[in-house]
Amino acid sequence: MAATLAGVSFLSPTPAFAADLCNELNGATLVAEDGTFLGKFTSQYNSKSIFNEYGTHGSEYSSNSIWNKYGQYGGKYSLNSPFNKYSATPPTIYTKSNKTAKLTVNSALPYAVNPYIARSCFD
C-alpha cells in the first residue's frame, strides 16, 4: 500500500516544503478516480506530461486533460476535476516513491496538492 505525501497539505507550502514537493512530484503519475490515466508530472516536452500544451494530457482541448475547463477531468463543476473545490474524488497522484496525494483545490481533503502549485514546479 502506498504512503501519503508527508502527511501535510501542500495547498500553500513554505519554500522548504515546496522544494520537497517538487522533488516528490517529478515523474509522478496522475490517475482519475475512474482509473483513467491523466498524465505524468514531467517536463512540458514529454508527450505524456500534464504540462505539455500540445499533448493529449496537457492540452486545454483534450478530453483527458485536467486543463480542459469543459471536460470531466478539468471542469470546475466536475466531480473528477482537481479544480472543483467541493469534489471528494479528484485525481490521485502516485509518486515514484510509492506515496499518494490528491491533486485538488479542495482544502478540506487530506494530502491535497494544489494544481497551480504543482504546475509551478515545472515552469
N, C-alpha and C. Protein backbone atom coordinates (compact mmCIF):
# COMPACT_ATOMS: atom_id res chain seq x y z
N MET A 1 0.85 -1.18 0.00
CA MET A 1 0.00 0.00 0.00
C MET A 1 0.89 1.24 0.00
N ALA A 2 0.46 2.24 -0.70
CA ALA A 2 1.25 3.47 -0.83
C ALA A 2 1.11 4.34 0.41
N ALA A 3 2.17 5.05 0.73
CA ALA A 3 2.14 6.02 1.81
C ALA A 3 1.60 7.33 1.26
N THR A 4 1.23 8.24 2.16
CA THR A 4 0.76 9.54 1.70
C THR A 4 1.91 10.53 1.74
N LEU A 5 1.79 11.59 0.95
CA LEU A 5 2.84 12.60 0.86
C LEU A 5 2.98 13.35 2.17
N ALA A 6 3.93 13.01 2.96
CA ALA A 6 4.38 13.72 4.15
C ALA A 6 3.33 14.05 5.19
N GLY A 7 2.09 13.70 4.98
CA GLY A 7 1.07 13.93 5.98
C GLY A 7 0.67 15.38 6.17
N VAL A 8 1.01 16.24 5.23
CA VAL A 8 0.61 17.64 5.33
C VAL A 8 -0.04 18.08 4.03
N SER A 9 -0.81 19.14 4.12
CA SER A 9 -1.43 19.70 2.93
C SER A 9 -0.44 20.58 2.20
N PHE A 10 -0.39 20.45 0.89
CA PHE A 10 0.50 21.25 0.07
C PHE A 10 -0.29 22.30 -0.70
N LEU A 11 -1.29 22.90 -0.06
CA LEU A 11 -2.07 23.92 -0.75
C LEU A 11 -1.30 25.24 -0.83
N SER A 12 -0.48 25.54 0.15
CA SER A 12 0.36 26.73 0.10
C SER A 12 1.61 26.47 0.94
N PRO A 13 2.55 25.70 0.37
CA PRO A 13 3.72 25.26 1.12
C PRO A 13 4.74 26.36 1.34
N THR A 14 5.55 26.17 2.37
CA THR A 14 6.71 27.04 2.60
C THR A 14 7.76 26.68 1.56
N PRO A 15 8.79 27.50 1.36
CA PRO A 15 9.81 27.17 0.35
C PRO A 15 10.46 25.80 0.54
N ALA A 16 10.72 25.41 1.78
CA ALA A 16 11.33 24.09 2.01
C ALA A 16 10.39 22.97 1.60
N PHE A 17 9.11 23.11 1.98
CA PHE A 17 8.12 22.11 1.58
C PHE A 17 7.92 22.11 0.07
N ALA A 18 7.96 23.30 -0.53
CA ALA A 18 7.78 23.40 -1.98
C ALA A 18 8.87 22.63 -2.72
N ALA A 19 10.11 22.76 -2.26
CA ALA A 19 11.21 22.03 -2.89
C ALA A 19 11.01 20.53 -2.74
N ASP A 20 10.60 20.10 -1.55
CA ASP A 20 10.34 18.68 -1.33
C ASP A 20 9.19 18.20 -2.20
N LEU A 21 8.16 19.02 -2.29
CA LEU A 21 7.01 18.67 -3.11
C LEU A 21 7.42 18.51 -4.57
N CYS A 22 8.17 19.46 -5.08
CA CYS A 22 8.60 19.41 -6.48
C CYS A 22 9.44 18.17 -6.75
N ASN A 23 10.32 17.83 -5.83
CA ASN A 23 11.13 16.61 -6.00
C ASN A 23 10.25 15.37 -5.98
N GLU A 24 9.28 15.36 -5.11
CA GLU A 24 8.39 14.20 -5.00
C GLU A 24 7.50 14.06 -6.23
N LEU A 25 7.05 15.18 -6.78
CA LEU A 25 6.15 15.14 -7.94
C LEU A 25 6.87 14.76 -9.23
N ASN A 26 8.14 15.04 -9.33
CA ASN A 26 8.88 14.78 -10.57
C ASN A 26 8.78 13.30 -10.97
N GLY A 27 8.12 13.05 -12.08
CA GLY A 27 7.94 11.68 -12.57
C GLY A 27 6.69 10.99 -12.07
N ALA A 28 5.93 11.65 -11.19
CA ALA A 28 4.71 11.05 -10.64
C ALA A 28 3.65 10.90 -11.73
N THR A 29 2.71 10.02 -11.49
CA THR A 29 1.62 9.73 -12.41
C THR A 29 0.31 10.27 -11.83
N LEU A 30 -0.56 10.77 -12.70
CA LEU A 30 -1.86 11.28 -12.27
C LEU A 30 -2.95 10.38 -12.86
N VAL A 31 -3.82 9.89 -11.98
CA VAL A 31 -4.88 8.96 -12.39
C VAL A 31 -6.22 9.45 -11.83
N ALA A 32 -7.24 9.47 -12.69
CA ALA A 32 -8.58 9.87 -12.27
C ALA A 32 -9.21 8.79 -11.40
N GLU A 33 -10.21 9.17 -10.67
CA GLU A 33 -10.93 8.24 -9.79
C GLU A 33 -11.49 7.05 -10.57
N ASP A 34 -11.85 7.27 -11.83
CA ASP A 34 -12.40 6.18 -12.65
C ASP A 34 -11.31 5.32 -13.30
N GLY A 35 -10.04 5.58 -12.96
CA GLY A 35 -8.92 4.78 -13.46
C GLY A 35 -8.28 5.31 -14.73
N THR A 36 -8.77 6.41 -15.27
CA THR A 36 -8.21 6.99 -16.49
C THR A 36 -6.84 7.61 -16.21
N PHE A 37 -5.86 7.23 -17.02
CA PHE A 37 -4.52 7.82 -16.93
C PHE A 37 -4.62 9.26 -17.43
N LEU A 38 -4.23 10.22 -16.59
CA LEU A 38 -4.33 11.63 -16.94
C LEU A 38 -2.98 12.26 -17.27
N GLY A 39 -1.90 11.51 -17.13
CA GLY A 39 -0.59 12.03 -17.50
C GLY A 39 0.43 11.92 -16.40
N LYS A 40 1.59 12.53 -16.68
CA LYS A 40 2.72 12.48 -15.75
C LYS A 40 3.17 13.89 -15.40
N PHE A 41 3.76 14.01 -14.23
CA PHE A 41 4.37 15.26 -13.79
C PHE A 41 5.81 15.27 -14.29
N THR A 42 5.98 15.76 -15.51
CA THR A 42 7.31 15.80 -16.12
C THR A 42 7.42 17.09 -16.94
N SER A 43 8.53 17.23 -17.60
CA SER A 43 8.82 18.38 -18.44
C SER A 43 7.72 18.61 -19.47
N GLN A 44 7.51 19.85 -19.83
CA GLN A 44 6.50 20.20 -20.83
C GLN A 44 6.79 19.60 -22.19
N TYR A 45 7.99 19.09 -22.38
CA TYR A 45 8.37 18.49 -23.67
C TYR A 45 8.09 16.99 -23.75
N ASN A 46 7.70 16.40 -22.62
CA ASN A 46 7.37 14.98 -22.60
C ASN A 46 5.95 14.80 -23.14
N SER A 47 5.76 13.84 -24.05
CA SER A 47 4.44 13.64 -24.68
C SER A 47 3.36 13.24 -23.68
N LYS A 48 3.74 12.67 -22.53
CA LYS A 48 2.76 12.25 -21.53
C LYS A 48 2.59 13.26 -20.40
N SER A 49 3.26 14.39 -20.49
CA SER A 49 3.23 15.39 -19.43
C SER A 49 1.90 16.12 -19.37
N ILE A 50 1.43 16.37 -18.15
CA ILE A 50 0.22 17.18 -17.99
C ILE A 50 0.52 18.66 -18.25
N PHE A 51 1.78 18.98 -18.46
CA PHE A 51 2.19 20.36 -18.74
C PHE A 51 2.54 20.59 -20.21
N ASN A 52 2.38 19.57 -21.05
CA ASN A 52 2.65 19.69 -22.48
C ASN A 52 1.37 20.21 -23.15
N GLU A 53 1.35 21.49 -23.48
CA GLU A 53 0.16 22.13 -24.03
C GLU A 53 -0.30 21.54 -25.35
N TYR A 54 0.57 20.80 -26.02
CA TYR A 54 0.24 20.22 -27.32
C TYR A 54 -0.02 18.72 -27.22
N GLY A 55 0.12 18.17 -26.03
CA GLY A 55 -0.06 16.73 -25.86
C GLY A 55 -1.46 16.37 -25.38
N THR A 56 -1.75 15.11 -25.41
CA THR A 56 -3.05 14.58 -25.00
C THR A 56 -3.39 14.93 -23.56
N HIS A 57 -2.39 14.98 -22.70
CA HIS A 57 -2.65 15.16 -21.27
C HIS A 57 -2.48 16.59 -20.78
N GLY A 58 -1.97 17.46 -21.63
CA GLY A 58 -1.76 18.84 -21.21
C GLY A 58 -2.53 19.88 -22.00
N SER A 59 -3.16 19.46 -23.06
CA SER A 59 -3.90 20.39 -23.93
C SER A 59 -5.20 20.84 -23.27
N GLU A 60 -5.52 22.10 -23.44
CA GLU A 60 -6.78 22.61 -22.89
C GLU A 60 -7.99 22.10 -23.68
N TYR A 61 -7.74 21.40 -24.79
CA TYR A 61 -8.83 20.89 -25.64
C TYR A 61 -9.01 19.37 -25.54
N SER A 62 -8.08 18.69 -24.91
CA SER A 62 -8.13 17.23 -24.84
C SER A 62 -9.14 16.76 -23.79
N SER A 63 -9.87 15.71 -24.12
CA SER A 63 -10.86 15.18 -23.17
C SER A 63 -10.20 14.53 -21.96
N ASN A 64 -8.92 14.14 -22.07
CA ASN A 64 -8.21 13.52 -20.95
C ASN A 64 -7.23 14.47 -20.28
N SER A 65 -7.53 15.75 -20.33
CA SER A 65 -6.65 16.75 -19.73
C SER A 65 -7.33 17.46 -18.58
N ILE A 66 -6.58 17.67 -17.50
CA ILE A 66 -7.12 18.44 -16.38
C ILE A 66 -7.23 19.92 -16.72
N TRP A 67 -6.59 20.34 -17.79
CA TRP A 67 -6.61 21.76 -18.18
C TRP A 67 -7.78 22.09 -19.12
N ASN A 68 -8.60 21.10 -19.47
CA ASN A 68 -9.78 21.33 -20.29
C ASN A 68 -10.91 21.77 -19.35
N LYS A 69 -11.21 23.04 -19.36
CA LYS A 69 -12.19 23.62 -18.43
C LYS A 69 -13.60 23.09 -18.64
N TYR A 70 -13.84 22.46 -19.77
CA TYR A 70 -15.18 21.96 -20.07
C TYR A 70 -15.25 20.43 -20.01
N GLY A 71 -14.15 19.79 -19.70
CA GLY A 71 -14.09 18.33 -19.67
C GLY A 71 -14.37 17.76 -18.29
N GLN A 72 -14.55 16.45 -18.25
CA GLN A 72 -14.86 15.80 -16.97
C GLN A 72 -13.68 15.77 -16.01
N TYR A 73 -12.47 16.01 -16.51
CA TYR A 73 -11.30 15.98 -15.63
C TYR A 73 -10.74 17.36 -15.33
N GLY A 74 -11.36 18.41 -15.87
CA GLY A 74 -10.84 19.75 -15.65
C GLY A 74 -11.89 20.80 -15.32
N GLY A 75 -13.14 20.48 -15.53
CA GLY A 75 -14.21 21.45 -15.27
C GLY A 75 -14.38 21.73 -13.79
N LYS A 76 -14.66 22.96 -13.45
CA LYS A 76 -14.76 23.31 -12.03
C LYS A 76 -16.00 22.73 -11.34
N TYR A 77 -16.91 22.16 -12.12
CA TYR A 77 -18.09 21.52 -11.53
C TYR A 77 -18.05 19.99 -11.63
N SER A 78 -17.03 19.47 -12.27
CA SER A 78 -16.90 18.02 -12.43
C SER A 78 -16.39 17.37 -11.15
N LEU A 79 -16.99 16.25 -10.79
CA LEU A 79 -16.56 15.54 -9.58
C LEU A 79 -15.16 14.96 -9.70
N ASN A 80 -14.69 14.75 -10.94
CA ASN A 80 -13.37 14.16 -11.17
C ASN A 80 -12.27 15.20 -11.38
N SER A 81 -12.59 16.45 -11.21
CA SER A 81 -11.66 17.53 -11.52
C SER A 81 -10.90 18.02 -10.29
N PRO A 82 -9.61 18.35 -10.47
CA PRO A 82 -8.86 18.94 -9.36
C PRO A 82 -9.29 20.38 -9.08
N PHE A 83 -10.08 20.98 -9.98
CA PHE A 83 -10.48 22.37 -9.84
C PHE A 83 -11.87 22.55 -9.22
N ASN A 84 -12.52 21.45 -8.86
CA ASN A 84 -13.81 21.51 -8.16
C ASN A 84 -13.51 21.58 -6.67
N LYS A 85 -13.77 22.73 -6.07
CA LYS A 85 -13.39 22.93 -4.67
C LYS A 85 -14.23 22.12 -3.68
N TYR A 86 -15.24 21.41 -4.17
CA TYR A 86 -16.06 20.57 -3.31
C TYR A 86 -15.89 19.07 -3.60
N SER A 87 -15.13 18.73 -4.61
CA SER A 87 -15.00 17.33 -5.01
C SER A 87 -14.29 16.48 -3.95
N ALA A 88 -14.87 15.32 -3.70
CA ALA A 88 -14.23 14.34 -2.82
C ALA A 88 -13.49 13.29 -3.64
N THR A 89 -13.56 13.40 -4.98
CA THR A 89 -12.94 12.39 -5.85
C THR A 89 -12.05 13.02 -6.93
N PRO A 90 -11.14 13.90 -6.53
CA PRO A 90 -10.22 14.45 -7.53
C PRO A 90 -9.17 13.41 -7.93
N PRO A 91 -8.36 13.69 -8.94
CA PRO A 91 -7.34 12.73 -9.37
C PRO A 91 -6.32 12.43 -8.27
N THR A 92 -5.78 11.23 -8.34
CA THR A 92 -4.75 10.80 -7.38
C THR A 92 -3.38 10.88 -8.02
N ILE A 93 -2.42 11.37 -7.24
CA ILE A 93 -1.02 11.43 -7.65
C ILE A 93 -0.33 10.20 -7.07
N TYR A 94 0.39 9.47 -7.92
CA TYR A 94 1.20 8.33 -7.49
C TYR A 94 2.66 8.66 -7.78
N THR A 95 3.46 8.79 -6.74
CA THR A 95 4.86 9.16 -6.93
C THR A 95 5.73 7.93 -7.16
N LYS A 96 6.95 8.18 -7.60
CA LYS A 96 7.89 7.07 -7.83
C LYS A 96 8.29 6.39 -6.52
N SER A 97 8.14 7.10 -5.39
CA SER A 97 8.47 6.51 -4.09
C SER A 97 7.24 5.92 -3.41
N ASN A 98 6.22 5.61 -4.22
CA ASN A 98 5.00 4.96 -3.75
C ASN A 98 4.20 5.76 -2.73
N LYS A 99 4.23 7.07 -2.84
CA LYS A 99 3.40 7.92 -2.00
C LYS A 99 2.22 8.40 -2.83
N THR A 100 1.13 8.73 -2.15
CA THR A 100 -0.05 9.22 -2.87
C THR A 100 -0.52 10.54 -2.27
N ALA A 101 -1.23 11.29 -3.10
CA ALA A 101 -1.88 12.53 -2.67
C ALA A 101 -3.00 12.80 -3.66
N LYS A 102 -3.83 13.77 -3.37
CA LYS A 102 -4.89 14.18 -4.26
C LYS A 102 -4.52 15.52 -4.88
N LEU A 103 -4.67 15.63 -6.20
CA LEU A 103 -4.45 16.89 -6.89
C LEU A 103 -5.79 17.64 -6.84
N THR A 104 -5.84 18.71 -6.03
CA THR A 104 -7.13 19.36 -5.80
C THR A 104 -6.99 20.76 -5.20
N VAL A 105 -7.99 21.57 -5.46
CA VAL A 105 -8.09 22.87 -4.79
C VAL A 105 -8.98 22.76 -3.55
N ASN A 106 -9.49 21.56 -3.27
CA ASN A 106 -10.33 21.31 -2.11
C ASN A 106 -9.45 21.23 -0.86
N SER A 107 -9.44 22.30 -0.09
CA SER A 107 -8.58 22.36 1.10
C SER A 107 -9.08 21.48 2.24
N ALA A 108 -10.27 20.92 2.13
CA ALA A 108 -10.81 20.05 3.17
C ALA A 108 -10.27 18.63 3.07
N LEU A 109 -9.70 18.27 1.93
CA LEU A 109 -9.19 16.91 1.76
C LEU A 109 -7.78 16.79 2.34
N PRO A 110 -7.48 15.68 2.99
CA PRO A 110 -6.11 15.46 3.47
C PRO A 110 -5.18 15.15 2.30
N TYR A 111 -3.92 15.50 2.46
CA TYR A 111 -2.89 15.21 1.45
C TYR A 111 -3.22 15.84 0.11
N ALA A 112 -3.70 17.07 0.16
CA ALA A 112 -4.08 17.81 -1.04
C ALA A 112 -2.89 18.55 -1.61
N VAL A 113 -2.72 18.44 -2.92
CA VAL A 113 -1.70 19.20 -3.64
C VAL A 113 -2.44 20.12 -4.61
N ASN A 114 -2.24 21.40 -4.45
CA ASN A 114 -2.89 22.37 -5.31
C ASN A 114 -2.31 22.27 -6.71
N PRO A 115 -3.16 22.16 -7.74
CA PRO A 115 -2.66 22.02 -9.11
C PRO A 115 -1.82 23.19 -9.59
N TYR A 116 -2.10 24.39 -9.09
CA TYR A 116 -1.33 25.56 -9.51
C TYR A 116 0.07 25.55 -8.90
N ILE A 117 0.16 25.08 -7.67
CA ILE A 117 1.48 24.94 -7.03
C ILE A 117 2.26 23.83 -7.72
N ALA A 118 1.58 22.73 -8.03
CA ALA A 118 2.25 21.63 -8.74
C ALA A 118 2.79 22.13 -10.08
N ARG A 119 2.01 22.92 -10.77
CA ARG A 119 2.44 23.44 -12.07
C ARG A 119 3.69 24.31 -11.94
N SER A 120 3.80 25.07 -10.85
CA SER A 120 4.95 25.95 -10.65
C SER A 120 6.24 25.15 -10.51
N CYS A 121 6.15 23.89 -10.16
CA CYS A 121 7.35 23.05 -10.07
C CYS A 121 7.96 22.78 -11.43
N PHE A 122 7.16 22.94 -12.49
CA PHE A 122 7.61 22.56 -13.82
C PHE A 122 7.67 23.74 -14.78
N ASP A 123 7.51 24.95 -14.26
CA ASP A 123 7.61 26.16 -15.11
C ASP A 123 9.06 26.50 -15.39
